[in-house]
Protein backbone atom coordinates (compact mmCIF):
# COMPACT_ATOMS: atom_id res chain seq x y z
CA MET A 1 10.97 11.27 -15.06
CA THR A 2 14.12 9.11 -15.49
CA LYS A 3 15.79 8.68 -18.88
CA LYS A 4 18.40 6.23 -17.61
CA ILE A 5 19.30 3.27 -19.81
CA LEU A 6 21.04 0.07 -18.81
CA PHE A 7 23.00 -2.11 -21.22
CA VAL A 8 23.85 -5.64 -20.14
CA ASP A 9 26.43 -7.61 -22.15
CA ASP A 10 29.52 -9.71 -21.34
CA GLU A 11 31.55 -7.94 -24.10
CA MET A 12 33.38 -5.07 -22.46
CA LEU A 13 34.43 -3.60 -25.84
CA LEU A 14 30.84 -3.42 -27.05
CA LEU A 15 29.69 -1.65 -23.89
CA ASP A 16 32.53 0.83 -24.15
CA SER A 17 31.60 1.46 -27.74
CA LEU A 18 27.91 2.03 -26.88
CA LYS A 19 28.80 4.47 -24.14
CA ARG A 20 31.05 6.48 -26.42
CA GLU A 21 28.41 6.63 -29.18
CA LEU A 22 25.29 7.23 -27.06
CA ASN A 23 26.43 8.89 -23.80
CA PHE A 24 25.89 12.40 -25.25
CA ARG A 25 22.17 11.62 -25.89
CA TYR A 26 21.28 9.39 -22.90
CA GLU A 27 22.30 8.59 -19.39
CA ILE A 28 23.99 5.21 -19.90
CA ASP A 29 24.85 2.54 -17.32
CA THR A 30 26.38 -0.82 -18.18
CA ALA A 31 26.77 -4.27 -16.57
CA LEU A 32 28.89 -7.27 -17.61
CA SER A 33 26.44 -9.98 -16.51
CA GLY A 34 22.85 -10.65 -15.57
CA ALA A 35 23.68 -10.79 -11.84
CA GLU A 36 25.49 -7.41 -12.08
CA GLY A 37 22.63 -6.00 -14.07
CA LEU A 38 20.10 -7.05 -11.37
CA GLU A 39 22.31 -5.50 -8.73
CA LYS A 40 22.51 -2.25 -10.73
CA ILE A 41 18.74 -2.18 -10.94
CA ARG A 42 18.31 -2.60 -7.23
CA ILE A 43 20.98 0.02 -6.28
CA SER A 44 20.85 2.60 -9.09
CA GLY A 45 17.32 2.08 -10.65
CA PRO A 46 14.84 2.77 -11.88
CA TYR A 47 15.90 2.56 -15.52
CA ALA A 48 13.55 3.63 -18.33
CA VAL A 49 14.96 1.11 -20.80
CA ILE A 50 17.05 -2.06 -20.18
CA VAL A 51 18.83 -3.65 -23.12
CA THR A 52 20.48 -7.08 -22.81
CA ASP A 53 22.41 -9.59 -24.88
CA PHE A 54 21.09 -13.15 -25.11
CA ARG A 55 24.23 -15.35 -24.83
CA MET A 56 25.87 -14.60 -21.56
CA PRO A 57 27.47 -17.05 -19.01
CA VAL A 58 25.59 -18.23 -15.93
CA MET A 59 22.42 -16.27 -16.69
CA ASP A 60 21.26 -15.74 -20.32
CA GLY A 61 19.35 -12.71 -21.47
CA ILE A 62 15.90 -14.29 -21.26
CA LYS A 63 16.43 -15.48 -17.67
CA PHE A 64 17.69 -11.99 -16.84
CA LEU A 65 14.66 -10.26 -18.44
CA GLU A 66 12.26 -12.59 -16.54
CA GLN A 67 13.75 -11.35 -13.32
CA VAL A 68 13.74 -7.75 -14.51
CA LYS A 69 10.04 -8.15 -15.19
CA GLU A 70 9.59 -8.98 -11.49
CA ILE A 71 11.76 -6.36 -9.85
CA ALA A 72 11.34 -3.53 -12.41
CA PRO A 73 8.05 -4.17 -14.19
CA ASN A 74 7.80 -0.57 -15.54
CA SER A 75 11.14 -0.62 -17.32
CA VAL A 76 10.99 -1.17 -21.10
CA ARG A 77 12.88 -4.31 -21.98
CA MET A 78 14.88 -4.90 -25.18
CA MET A 79 17.28 -7.48 -26.52
CA LEU A 80 20.38 -6.73 -28.62
CA THR A 81 21.97 -10.05 -29.68
CA GLY A 82 23.96 -11.79 -32.35
CA ASN A 83 21.90 -14.89 -31.77
CA THR A 84 19.22 -14.47 -34.43
CA ASP A 85 17.48 -17.85 -34.52
CA LEU A 86 13.67 -17.83 -34.33
CA PRO A 87 13.34 -19.86 -31.04
CA THR A 88 15.45 -17.20 -29.22
CA ALA A 89 13.20 -14.37 -30.60
CA ILE A 90 10.09 -16.28 -29.59
CA ASP A 91 11.31 -17.00 -26.05
CA ALA A 92 12.45 -13.32 -25.67
CA ILE A 93 8.96 -12.14 -26.66
CA ASN A 94 6.95 -14.69 -24.67
CA GLN A 95 9.14 -14.99 -21.55
CA GLY A 96 10.93 -11.69 -21.36
CA GLN A 97 8.06 -9.70 -22.85
CA ILE A 98 10.43 -7.48 -24.81
CA PHE A 99 9.61 -4.24 -26.55
CA ARG A 100 12.29 -4.54 -29.32
CA PHE A 101 14.48 -7.38 -30.64
CA LEU A 102 17.66 -5.96 -32.28
CA THR A 103 20.39 -8.01 -33.93
CA LYS A 104 24.12 -7.47 -33.96
CA PRO A 105 25.74 -5.72 -35.73
CA CYS A 106 23.31 -2.80 -35.17
CA ASN A 107 24.27 0.76 -36.22
CA GLY A 108 24.02 3.66 -33.80
CA ASP A 109 21.04 5.31 -35.54
CA MET A 110 18.93 2.11 -35.31
CA ILE A 111 19.84 1.71 -31.62
CA ALA A 112 19.05 5.37 -30.95
CA GLN A 113 15.66 5.10 -32.66
CA SER A 114 14.80 2.09 -30.61
CA LEU A 115 15.91 3.73 -27.41
CA ASP A 116 13.81 6.81 -28.23
CA ALA A 117 10.74 4.57 -28.87
CA GLY A 118 11.50 2.82 -25.59
CA LEU A 119 11.65 6.13 -23.71
CA ARG A 120 8.35 7.20 -25.18
CA GLN A 121 6.79 3.86 -24.11
CA TYR A 122 8.22 4.32 -20.59
CA GLN A 123 6.76 7.82 -20.36
CA LEU A 124 3.31 6.48 -21.44
CA VAL A 125 3.44 3.70 -18.85
CA MET A 126 4.50 6.02 -16.07
CA ALA A 127 1.96 8.71 -17.02
CA GLU A 128 -0.82 6.06 -16.98
CA LYS A 129 0.45 4.71 -13.67
CA GLU A 130 0.57 8.15 -12.09
CA LEU A 131 -2.95 8.95 -13.34
CA LEU A 132 -4.32 5.67 -12.03
CA GLU A 133 -2.72 6.06 -8.65
CA LYS A 134 -3.93 9.62 -8.25
CA THR A 135 -7.46 8.46 -9.21
CA LEU A 136 -7.22 5.51 -6.88
CA LYS A 137 -5.96 7.65 -4.00
CA GLU A 138 -8.83 10.12 -4.42
CA SER A 139 -11.35 7.29 -4.66
CA VAL A 140 -10.05 5.78 -1.41
CA SER A 141 -10.01 9.21 0.25
CA LEU A 142 -13.65 9.76 -0.68
CA LEU A 143 -14.70 6.35 0.61
CA THR A 144 -12.98 6.88 3.95
CA GLU A 145 -14.61 10.34 4.18
CA VAL A 146 -18.00 8.65 3.80
CA LEU A 147 -17.12 6.24 6.53
CA ALA A 148 -15.97 9.05 8.82
CA ILE A 149 -19.29 10.87 8.33
CA VAL A 150 -21.52 7.76 8.72
CA ASN A 151 -19.60 6.13 11.58
CA PRO A 152 -16.64 7.90 13.34
CA LYS A 153 -16.16 4.76 15.52
CA ALA A 154 -15.52 2.52 12.48
CA TYR A 155 -13.30 5.29 10.92
CA GLY A 156 -11.28 5.37 14.09
CA ARG A 157 -10.80 1.58 14.12
CA SER A 158 -9.62 1.78 10.46
CA LEU A 159 -7.05 4.43 11.40
CA ARG A 160 -5.74 2.27 14.29
CA MET A 161 -5.54 -0.71 11.98
CA GLN A 162 -3.55 1.22 9.42
CA GLN A 163 -0.89 1.82 12.08
CA LEU A 164 -0.88 -1.82 13.08
CA VAL A 165 -0.64 -3.04 9.50
CA ALA A 166 2.12 -0.56 8.59
CA HIS A 167 4.12 -1.81 11.57
CA ILE A 168 3.64 -5.45 10.58
CA CYS A 169 4.71 -4.77 7.01
CA ARG A 170 7.87 -3.00 8.11
CA GLU A 171 8.81 -5.81 10.51
CA MET A 172 8.08 -8.53 7.91
CA LYS A 173 9.58 -6.53 5.08
CA PHE A 174 6.62 -7.00 2.68
CA GLN A 175 7.20 -5.54 -0.79
CA ASP A 176 3.61 -4.71 -1.67
CA SER A 177 2.79 -3.17 1.68
CA TRP A 178 0.58 -0.51 0.07
CA GLN A 179 -2.07 -3.18 -0.67
CA TYR A 180 -2.19 -4.32 2.94
CA GLU A 181 -2.31 -0.80 4.28
CA MET A 182 -5.06 0.26 1.85
CA ALA A 183 -7.02 -2.81 2.83
CA ALA A 184 -6.75 -1.65 6.45
CA ALA A 185 -7.95 1.84 5.48
CA LEU A 186 -11.05 0.36 3.72
CA SER A 187 -11.62 -2.61 5.92
CA GLN A 188 -14.48 -1.15 8.02
CA LEU A 189 -16.34 0.40 5.04
CA GLY A 190 -19.14 -2.21 5.34
CA TRP A 191 -20.24 -0.51 8.58
CA ILE A 192 -22.27 1.89 6.33
CA ILE A 193 -24.97 -0.85 6.08
CA PHE A 194 -25.74 -0.75 9.80
CA PRO A 195 -29.00 0.96 10.84
CA GLN A 196 -28.69 3.92 13.26
CA SER A 197 -30.20 1.97 16.18
CA MET A 198 -27.47 -0.66 15.75
CA LEU A 199 -24.72 1.96 15.57
CA GLU A 200 -25.99 3.49 18.81
CA LYS A 201 -25.82 0.06 20.49
CA ILE A 202 -22.26 -0.52 19.26
CA ASP A 203 -21.31 2.99 20.36
CA SER A 204 -22.71 2.53 23.90
CA GLY A 205 -21.36 -1.07 24.28
CA GLN A 206 -24.80 -2.69 24.44
CA PRO A 207 -25.10 -6.37 23.28
CA LEU A 208 -26.48 -6.87 19.76
CA SER A 209 -29.49 -9.06 19.01
CA ALA A 210 -29.13 -12.31 17.00
CA THR A 211 -30.41 -10.50 13.91
CA GLU A 212 -27.98 -7.63 14.43
CA MET A 213 -25.12 -10.04 14.86
CA VAL A 214 -25.94 -11.56 11.43
CA ILE A 215 -25.93 -8.07 9.89
CA PHE A 216 -22.59 -7.29 11.65
CA SER A 217 -20.99 -10.49 10.34
CA LYS A 218 -21.72 -9.41 6.72
CA HIS A 219 -19.88 -6.14 6.86
CA PRO A 220 -16.57 -7.57 5.39
CA PHE A 221 -18.45 -9.13 2.50
CA THR A 222 -20.36 -5.82 1.86
CA ALA A 223 -17.13 -3.82 1.80
CA GLY A 224 -15.56 -6.32 -0.60
CA LYS A 225 -18.52 -6.05 -3.02
CA LEU A 226 -18.34 -2.21 -2.90
CA LEU A 227 -14.71 -2.26 -3.86
CA GLU A 228 -14.30 -5.11 -6.30
CA LYS A 229 -15.06 -3.08 -9.46
CA ILE A 230 -12.52 -0.33 -8.79
CA PRO A 231 -9.38 -0.73 -10.84
CA ARG A 232 -6.36 -2.12 -8.86
CA LEU A 233 -8.59 -2.86 -5.82
CA GLU A 234 -9.60 -6.37 -6.92
CA GLN A 235 -7.17 -8.11 -4.63
CA ILE A 236 -7.73 -5.62 -1.90
CA SER A 237 -11.52 -6.20 -2.05
CA ARG A 238 -10.91 -9.98 -1.61
CA MET A 239 -8.61 -9.36 1.37
CA ILE A 240 -11.35 -7.27 3.06
CA ALA A 241 -14.14 -9.76 2.29
CA GLY A 242 -12.05 -12.56 3.94
CA GLN A 243 -10.91 -10.53 6.98
CA GLY A 244 -12.65 -12.76 9.52
CA ARG A 245 -10.83 -15.92 8.51
CA SER A 246 -8.54 -17.84 10.95
CA ILE A 247 -5.24 -19.30 9.78
CA ASP A 248 -6.83 -22.81 9.49
CA ASP A 249 -9.27 -21.45 6.89
CA LEU A 250 -6.49 -20.12 4.61
CA CYS A 251 -4.18 -21.60 2.05
CA LEU A 252 -0.97 -19.66 2.66
CA ASN A 253 1.02 -21.31 -0.16
CA PRO A 254 3.72 -19.10 -1.78
CA ALA A 255 3.52 -21.33 -4.91
CA TYR A 256 0.26 -19.45 -5.74
CA PRO A 257 1.46 -15.88 -5.24
CA ASP A 258 -1.85 -14.08 -5.96
CA GLN A 259 -3.90 -16.20 -3.61
CA TYR A 260 -1.10 -16.20 -1.04
CA GLN A 261 -1.11 -12.31 -1.02
CA VAL A 262 -4.93 -12.20 -0.71
CA ASP A 263 -4.94 -14.79 2.16
CA MET A 264 -2.06 -13.08 3.93
CA GLY A 265 -3.86 -9.74 3.73
CA SER A 266 -7.08 -11.19 4.99
CA HIS A 267 -5.31 -12.74 7.96
CA ILE A 268 -3.34 -9.61 8.78
CA LEU A 269 -6.69 -7.73 8.92
CA LYS A 270 -8.17 -10.46 11.20
CA ILE A 271 -5.18 -10.11 13.57
CA CYS A 272 -5.42 -6.32 13.63
CA VAL A 273 -9.23 -6.34 14.19
CA ASP A 274 -8.89 -8.76 17.02
CA TYR A 275 -5.92 -6.87 18.50
CA ASP A 276 -7.96 -3.62 18.36
CA GLN A 277 -10.94 -5.41 19.94
CA PHE A 278 -8.81 -6.70 22.83
CA MET A 279 -7.37 -3.21 23.33
CA MET A 280 -10.86 -1.71 23.48
CA GLN A 281 -11.72 -4.34 26.14
CA GLY A 282 -8.91 -2.94 28.27
CA LEU A 283 -6.15 -5.50 27.73
CA LEU A 284 -2.58 -4.25 27.69
CA HIS A 285 -0.22 -4.90 24.73
CA ASP A 286 1.62 -7.78 26.42
CA GLN A 287 -1.65 -9.39 27.56
CA ILE A 288 -2.97 -9.28 24.00
CA LEU A 289 0.12 -10.93 22.65
CA VAL A 290 0.00 -13.68 25.21
CA THR A 291 -3.66 -14.30 24.35
CA MET A 292 -2.95 -14.47 20.62
CA GLN A 293 0.15 -16.59 21.03
CA SER A 294 -1.96 -19.23 22.97
CA LYS A 295 -4.14 -19.71 19.81
CA PRO A 296 -1.72 -21.00 17.04
CA SER A 297 -4.64 -22.53 15.12
CA VAL A 298 -6.24 -19.08 14.88
CA TYR A 299 -3.35 -16.62 14.40
CA HIS A 300 -0.20 -16.79 12.31
CA GLN A 301 2.55 -16.72 14.94
CA GLU A 302 5.10 -14.92 12.72
CA ILE A 303 2.68 -12.00 12.38
CA ILE A 304 2.04 -11.99 16.12
CA ASN A 305 5.82 -11.90 16.68
CA ALA A 306 6.05 -8.87 14.41
CA LEU A 307 3.75 -7.07 16.85
CA LYS A 308 6.13 -7.62 19.71
CA THR A 309 8.14 -4.49 18.88
CA LEU A 310 5.00 -2.32 18.49
CA GLN A 311 5.15 -0.81 21.93
CA SER A 312 8.80 0.30 21.81
CA ALA A 313 8.21 1.70 18.33
CA GLN A 314 5.55 4.07 19.61
CA SER A 315 6.31 7.24 21.54
CA LEU A 316 4.56 8.15 24.68
CA PRO A 317 1.27 9.93 24.05
CA GLU A 318 1.61 13.66 23.87
CA LEU A 319 -1.53 15.75 24.50
CA ARG A 320 -1.63 18.85 22.39
CA SER A 321 -3.76 21.94 22.87
CA ILE A 322 -5.29 23.29 19.63
CA GLU A 323 -6.90 26.60 18.94
CA LEU A 324 -8.86 26.92 15.70
CA VAL A 325 -7.86 30.53 15.28
CA THR A 326 -4.41 29.17 14.41
CA HIS A 327 -5.43 25.87 12.88
CA GLU A 328 -2.12 25.00 11.28
CA ASP A 329 -1.50 22.27 13.89
CA LEU A 330 -4.87 20.54 13.22
CA GLU A 331 -4.41 17.35 11.25
CA VAL A 332 -6.60 14.64 9.67
CA GLY A 333 -6.40 11.56 11.95
CA MET A 334 -6.07 13.36 15.21
CA LEU A 335 -8.09 12.02 18.16
CA LEU A 336 -10.21 14.35 20.26
CA VAL A 337 -9.36 13.68 23.93
CA GLU A 338 -12.12 16.02 25.09
CA PRO A 339 -15.29 17.24 23.39
CA ILE A 340 -15.45 20.47 21.41
CA ARG A 341 -18.02 22.78 22.94
CA ASP A 342 -19.52 26.13 22.03
CA SER A 343 -19.18 29.11 24.36
CA LYS A 344 -22.42 28.03 26.14
CA GLY A 345 -21.10 24.51 26.96
CA ASN A 346 -23.04 22.66 24.24
CA ILE A 347 -21.17 19.71 22.75
CA LEU A 348 -20.56 20.11 19.01
CA VAL A 349 -18.08 17.22 18.42
CA LYS A 350 -17.93 14.34 20.90
CA GLU A 351 -14.71 13.24 22.66
CA HIS A 352 -12.85 10.21 21.11
CA THR A 353 -13.84 11.42 17.65
CA PHE A 354 -11.20 10.93 15.01
CA ILE A 355 -10.82 13.97 12.85
CA SER A 356 -11.62 13.35 9.26
CA ARG A 357 -11.18 15.88 6.47
CA SER A 358 -14.82 16.87 6.54
CA ILE A 359 -14.86 17.25 10.30
CA MET A 360 -11.67 19.32 10.20
CA ILE A 361 -13.18 21.67 7.58
CA GLU A 362 -16.34 22.09 9.71
CA MET A 363 -14.24 22.75 12.80
CA ILE A 364 -12.25 25.43 11.01
CA LYS A 365 -15.48 27.13 9.85
CA LEU A 366 -16.79 27.14 13.40
CA GLY A 367 -13.48 28.48 14.70
CA ALA A 368 -13.73 31.34 12.25
CA GLN A 369 -16.77 32.72 14.19
CA PRO A 370 -15.52 35.06 16.93
CA ASN A 371 -16.03 33.64 20.49
CA TYR A 372 -18.18 30.81 19.22
CA LEU A 373 -16.07 27.89 20.51
CA ALA A 374 -14.61 27.17 23.89
CA GLU A 375 -10.89 26.90 23.19
CA PRO A 376 -8.32 25.42 23.37
CA PHE A 377 -9.17 21.72 23.19
CA LYS A 378 -6.93 18.71 23.60
CA VAL A 379 -5.99 16.14 20.95
CA LEU A 380 -3.64 13.26 20.44
CA ARG A 381 -1.55 13.19 17.28
CA LYS A 382 -2.14 10.33 14.91
CA ARG A 383 1.15 8.61 15.63
CA ASP A 384 0.49 8.73 19.40
CA TRP A 385 -2.75 6.89 19.82
């Protein structure tokens, strides 16, 4: 875990003095302005603690800390200033959300004590973040496993959507792409409400009845309700619940960043669901794009344009032969091109099944039985389908 500290002040002599006094205890970086400090954070960060002066030309310390809060929210923010009036302190606390307010002149021991407290706070924040992310990752993994067991077809669609969403996020350079990608992973979770008879109809391509269509239309809302109480999935649950909405139904206004992100996520999911549906109907990549570009009131054209490079970004499919005796090449997310059969020809796992963790474990168990399976069998790697 980083212990780097950044001091930002327009007084070179002060920065040199701080480095001489503290460099033996901490890893110190310095910047002579707010703009330089922001650049240091982008290039050399993350910093555990960021300490700034208040009165600096062009960008004062409070404006600097407001931007730090956006680009480095986990860093502990402090102010070291000779400007000791109450309004400055209040603004620093309310706008910059600082951890300590220190006044010049400040002796080395006081600064060191404050930095130590800041480092402890940073460690607590990062430990909590790591724990939460690990818990969140395992929760999502469990939910996708349930989906893979209940409905491999829906699980397969969610895997394909993850690839589409990841590509869109790269092309459009979204910062919080993890939320969009996680929304794709969980977007089909509502399929668990479908009765077996309905799943069999979907699997065989039979038309659904009017009642079944109503049930089908509710799966995004169901998935959203299942996820809304999980910490850090509140926005993702809203994205998933709104995944059927066209661009005319959304308020894509950057002035409201939280709602903008939710609406953008919902619309990306709609585009990816429709793209996948067109693909399942047999349309080629270019045909799908032409169809979507002809409906500007339904689809956000900038997102459609991001999909233009999808074909060139994918390698040609490469069939791989797998034997479960040496199962090191078997991976979660692979697609079975042919069914897995036992030595008598009975089908154990159907073709076009996406391999989930539970399916992979079961396959390895079967492969451990001598001469039980007909091997090898062919798969596509996750990045090839």
